[in-house]
Amino acid sequence: MVKIRLTRGGAKKRPFYHIVVTDQRNKRDGRALERVGFYNPVATGNEKRVELDTARVEHWVSNGAQMTDKVRDLLKGLTRAAA
């Protein structure tokens, strides 16, 4: 099954996550089919906290991809902020 989930990057005590489309059998930070955005939980000042290509996410979901709970929450927050 294809999942839309987070992969961890960044430094120690300073996480940064890429939002990727990958097969669920791959490791958390393993090979990804496509990178569709990022999430920076420690963003300060004018840094972006979340960026997501919603068109590509909708494409993958329409083709059967499942979002993790955290990615679903981030997408809801973006759509709420845009409205």
N, C-alpha and C. Protein backbone atom coordinates (compact mmCIF):
# COMPACT_ATOMS: atom_id res chain seq x y z
N MET A 1 0.84 -1.18 0.00
CA MET A 1 0.00 0.00 0.00
C MET A 1 0.89 1.25 0.00
N VAL A 2 0.45 2.26 -0.70
CA VAL A 2 1.18 3.52 -0.78
C VAL A 2 0.70 4.44 0.34
N LYS A 3 1.65 5.05 1.03
CA LYS A 3 1.35 5.94 2.16
C LYS A 3 1.94 7.32 1.90
N ILE A 4 1.28 8.32 2.44
CA ILE A 4 1.82 9.69 2.47
C ILE A 4 2.18 9.93 3.92
N ARG A 5 3.49 10.06 4.19
CA ARG A 5 3.95 10.13 5.57
C ARG A 5 5.17 11.04 5.70
N LEU A 6 5.64 11.19 6.93
CA LEU A 6 6.79 12.06 7.23
C LEU A 6 8.08 11.25 7.25
N THR A 7 9.17 11.86 6.76
CA THR A 7 10.51 11.32 6.94
C THR A 7 11.31 12.37 7.70
N ARG A 8 12.11 11.92 8.64
CA ARG A 8 12.83 12.85 9.51
C ARG A 8 14.16 13.27 8.91
N GLY A 9 14.45 14.53 9.07
CA GLY A 9 15.73 15.08 8.67
C GLY A 9 16.14 16.09 9.72
N GLY A 10 17.06 16.95 9.40
CA GLY A 10 17.48 17.97 10.34
C GLY A 10 18.56 17.49 11.26
N ALA A 11 18.86 18.28 12.25
CA ALA A 11 19.94 18.00 13.18
C ALA A 11 19.37 17.49 14.51
N LYS A 12 20.26 17.09 15.37
CA LYS A 12 19.86 16.65 16.70
C LYS A 12 19.17 17.81 17.43
N LYS A 13 18.04 17.51 18.05
CA LYS A 13 17.24 18.50 18.78
C LYS A 13 16.65 19.59 17.87
N ARG A 14 16.71 19.40 16.57
CA ARG A 14 16.17 20.37 15.61
C ARG A 14 15.56 19.62 14.43
N PRO A 15 14.39 19.01 14.64
CA PRO A 15 13.82 18.15 13.61
C PRO A 15 13.28 18.95 12.42
N PHE A 16 13.29 18.28 11.27
CA PHE A 16 12.73 18.80 10.04
C PHE A 16 12.18 17.58 9.30
N TYR A 17 10.96 17.67 8.82
CA TYR A 17 10.33 16.51 8.19
C TYR A 17 9.96 16.81 6.75
N HIS A 18 10.23 15.86 5.85
CA HIS A 18 9.75 15.92 4.49
C HIS A 18 8.47 15.10 4.44
N ILE A 19 7.49 15.57 3.71
CA ILE A 19 6.26 14.82 3.50
C ILE A 19 6.43 14.09 2.17
N VAL A 20 6.41 12.77 2.22
CA VAL A 20 6.72 11.97 1.05
C VAL A 20 5.63 10.94 0.77
N VAL A 21 5.61 10.47 -0.47
CA VAL A 21 4.76 9.36 -0.88
C VAL A 21 5.68 8.16 -1.03
N THR A 22 5.36 7.07 -0.33
CA THR A 22 6.23 5.90 -0.35
C THR A 22 5.42 4.63 -0.11
N ASP A 23 6.03 3.51 -0.42
CA ASP A 23 5.41 2.22 -0.11
C ASP A 23 5.54 2.00 1.39
N GLN A 24 4.50 1.49 2.03
CA GLN A 24 4.52 1.35 3.48
C GLN A 24 5.58 0.37 3.97
N ARG A 25 6.09 -0.50 3.10
CA ARG A 25 7.10 -1.47 3.51
C ARG A 25 8.50 -0.87 3.60
N ASN A 26 8.68 0.32 3.01
CA ASN A 26 9.98 0.99 3.08
C ASN A 26 10.23 1.53 4.49
N LYS A 27 11.50 1.70 4.82
CA LYS A 27 11.86 2.28 6.12
C LYS A 27 11.40 3.73 6.19
N ARG A 28 11.32 4.26 7.40
CA ARG A 28 10.84 5.64 7.60
C ARG A 28 11.62 6.63 6.74
N ASP A 29 12.92 6.52 6.72
CA ASP A 29 13.74 7.45 5.95
C ASP A 29 14.26 6.81 4.67
N GLY A 30 13.59 5.76 4.21
CA GLY A 30 14.02 5.04 3.02
C GLY A 30 13.59 5.71 1.73
N ARG A 31 13.59 4.93 0.66
CA ARG A 31 13.30 5.42 -0.67
C ARG A 31 11.86 5.92 -0.76
N ALA A 32 11.68 7.04 -1.41
CA ALA A 32 10.35 7.64 -1.58
C ALA A 32 10.01 7.73 -3.06
N LEU A 33 8.73 7.63 -3.37
CA LEU A 33 8.28 7.78 -4.75
C LEU A 33 8.27 9.25 -5.16
N GLU A 34 7.83 10.11 -4.24
CA GLU A 34 7.75 11.54 -4.54
C GLU A 34 7.75 12.35 -3.25
N ARG A 35 8.40 13.49 -3.28
CA ARG A 35 8.39 14.42 -2.14
C ARG A 35 7.35 15.50 -2.44
N VAL A 36 6.36 15.64 -1.55
CA VAL A 36 5.25 16.56 -1.83
C VAL A 36 5.22 17.77 -0.90
N GLY A 37 6.14 17.86 0.04
CA GLY A 37 6.16 19.03 0.92
C GLY A 37 7.08 18.85 2.10
N PHE A 38 6.96 19.76 3.07
CA PHE A 38 7.77 19.66 4.28
C PHE A 38 7.01 20.19 5.47
N TYR A 39 7.51 19.84 6.67
CA TYR A 39 6.94 20.29 7.94
C TYR A 39 8.11 20.64 8.84
N ASN A 40 8.14 21.88 9.32
CA ASN A 40 9.20 22.35 10.20
C ASN A 40 8.57 22.72 11.55
N PRO A 41 8.59 21.80 12.53
CA PRO A 41 7.91 22.07 13.80
C PRO A 41 8.57 23.14 14.65
N VAL A 42 9.81 23.48 14.38
CA VAL A 42 10.51 24.48 15.19
C VAL A 42 10.75 25.77 14.40
N ALA A 43 9.86 26.07 13.45
CA ALA A 43 10.00 27.28 12.63
C ALA A 43 9.85 28.52 13.50
N THR A 44 10.70 29.50 13.26
CA THR A 44 10.65 30.76 14.00
C THR A 44 10.67 31.92 13.01
N GLY A 45 10.18 33.04 13.46
CA GLY A 45 10.23 34.24 12.61
C GLY A 45 9.40 34.09 11.36
N ASN A 46 10.02 34.37 10.22
CA ASN A 46 9.29 34.30 8.96
C ASN A 46 9.53 32.98 8.22
N GLU A 47 10.05 31.96 8.89
CA GLU A 47 10.22 30.65 8.27
C GLU A 47 8.86 29.99 8.10
N LYS A 48 8.71 29.24 7.02
CA LYS A 48 7.46 28.52 6.79
C LYS A 48 7.42 27.30 7.70
N ARG A 49 6.26 27.05 8.29
CA ARG A 49 6.08 25.89 9.16
C ARG A 49 5.68 24.66 8.34
N VAL A 50 4.77 24.84 7.39
CA VAL A 50 4.30 23.74 6.55
C VAL A 50 4.18 24.21 5.12
N GLU A 51 4.64 23.39 4.20
CA GLU A 51 4.41 23.62 2.78
C GLU A 51 4.03 22.29 2.17
N LEU A 52 2.95 22.29 1.38
CA LEU A 52 2.42 21.04 0.86
C LEU A 52 1.83 21.28 -0.52
N ASP A 53 2.17 20.43 -1.48
CA ASP A 53 1.60 20.49 -2.82
C ASP A 53 0.28 19.74 -2.80
N THR A 54 -0.81 20.47 -2.53
CA THR A 54 -2.11 19.82 -2.33
C THR A 54 -2.61 19.12 -3.59
N ALA A 55 -2.26 19.63 -4.76
CA ALA A 55 -2.70 18.98 -6.00
C ALA A 55 -2.09 17.59 -6.12
N ARG A 56 -0.82 17.47 -5.79
CA ARG A 56 -0.16 16.15 -5.86
C ARG A 56 -0.69 15.21 -4.77
N VAL A 57 -0.99 15.74 -3.59
CA VAL A 57 -1.55 14.91 -2.52
C VAL A 57 -2.91 14.38 -2.96
N GLU A 58 -3.76 15.24 -3.53
CA GLU A 58 -5.06 14.80 -4.01
C GLU A 58 -4.93 13.76 -5.12
N HIS A 59 -3.93 13.93 -5.98
CA HIS A 59 -3.68 12.95 -7.04
C HIS A 59 -3.37 11.58 -6.45
N TRP A 60 -2.46 11.55 -5.47
CA TRP A 60 -2.08 10.27 -4.87
C TRP A 60 -3.22 9.65 -4.08
N VAL A 61 -3.99 10.46 -3.38
CA VAL A 61 -5.14 9.94 -2.62
C VAL A 61 -6.18 9.37 -3.58
N SER A 62 -6.39 10.03 -4.71
CA SER A 62 -7.36 9.51 -5.69
C SER A 62 -6.89 8.19 -6.30
N ASN A 63 -5.58 7.95 -6.27
CA ASN A 63 -5.04 6.69 -6.78
C ASN A 63 -4.88 5.65 -5.68
N GLY A 64 -5.40 5.91 -4.48
CA GLY A 64 -5.43 4.90 -3.44
C GLY A 64 -4.43 5.06 -2.31
N ALA A 65 -3.67 6.14 -2.29
CA ALA A 65 -2.70 6.34 -1.21
C ALA A 65 -3.41 6.70 0.09
N GLN A 66 -2.86 6.27 1.21
CA GLN A 66 -3.42 6.55 2.53
C GLN A 66 -2.51 7.56 3.23
N MET A 67 -3.11 8.56 3.87
CA MET A 67 -2.34 9.54 4.64
C MET A 67 -2.24 9.08 6.08
N THR A 68 -1.10 9.39 6.71
CA THR A 68 -0.99 9.14 8.14
C THR A 68 -1.78 10.21 8.88
N ASP A 69 -2.04 9.99 10.16
CA ASP A 69 -2.84 10.93 10.94
C ASP A 69 -2.20 12.32 10.99
N LYS A 70 -0.88 12.38 11.16
CA LYS A 70 -0.19 13.67 11.25
C LYS A 70 -0.28 14.44 9.93
N VAL A 71 -0.09 13.75 8.82
CA VAL A 71 -0.18 14.41 7.51
C VAL A 71 -1.61 14.91 7.28
N ARG A 72 -2.60 14.14 7.68
CA ARG A 72 -4.00 14.55 7.54
C ARG A 72 -4.25 15.82 8.35
N ASP A 73 -3.71 15.88 9.58
CA ASP A 73 -3.87 17.07 10.41
C ASP A 73 -3.19 18.29 9.79
N LEU A 74 -1.99 18.10 9.23
CA LEU A 74 -1.29 19.21 8.58
C LEU A 74 -2.06 19.72 7.38
N LEU A 75 -2.65 18.82 6.59
CA LEU A 75 -3.43 19.21 5.43
C LEU A 75 -4.69 19.97 5.85
N LYS A 76 -5.34 19.52 6.91
CA LYS A 76 -6.52 20.22 7.43
C LYS A 76 -6.16 21.62 7.88
N GLY A 77 -5.01 21.76 8.56
CA GLY A 77 -4.55 23.07 9.02
C GLY A 77 -4.28 24.02 7.86
N LEU A 78 -3.71 23.50 6.78
CA LEU A 78 -3.44 24.34 5.60
C LEU A 78 -4.73 24.79 4.94
N THR A 79 -5.68 23.88 4.78
CA THR A 79 -6.93 24.25 4.12
C THR A 79 -7.74 25.21 4.98
N ARG A 80 -7.67 25.04 6.29
CA ARG A 80 -8.37 25.94 7.22
C ARG A 80 -7.76 27.33 7.16
N ALA A 81 -6.43 27.41 7.09
CA ALA A 81 -5.74 28.70 7.05
C ALA A 81 -5.98 29.42 5.73
N ALA A 82 -6.14 28.65 4.65
CA ALA A 82 -6.35 29.25 3.33
C ALA A 82 -7.78 29.77 3.17
N ALA A 83 -8.70 29.21 3.93
CA ALA A 83 -10.11 29.61 3.79
C ALA A 83 -10.43 30.89 4.53
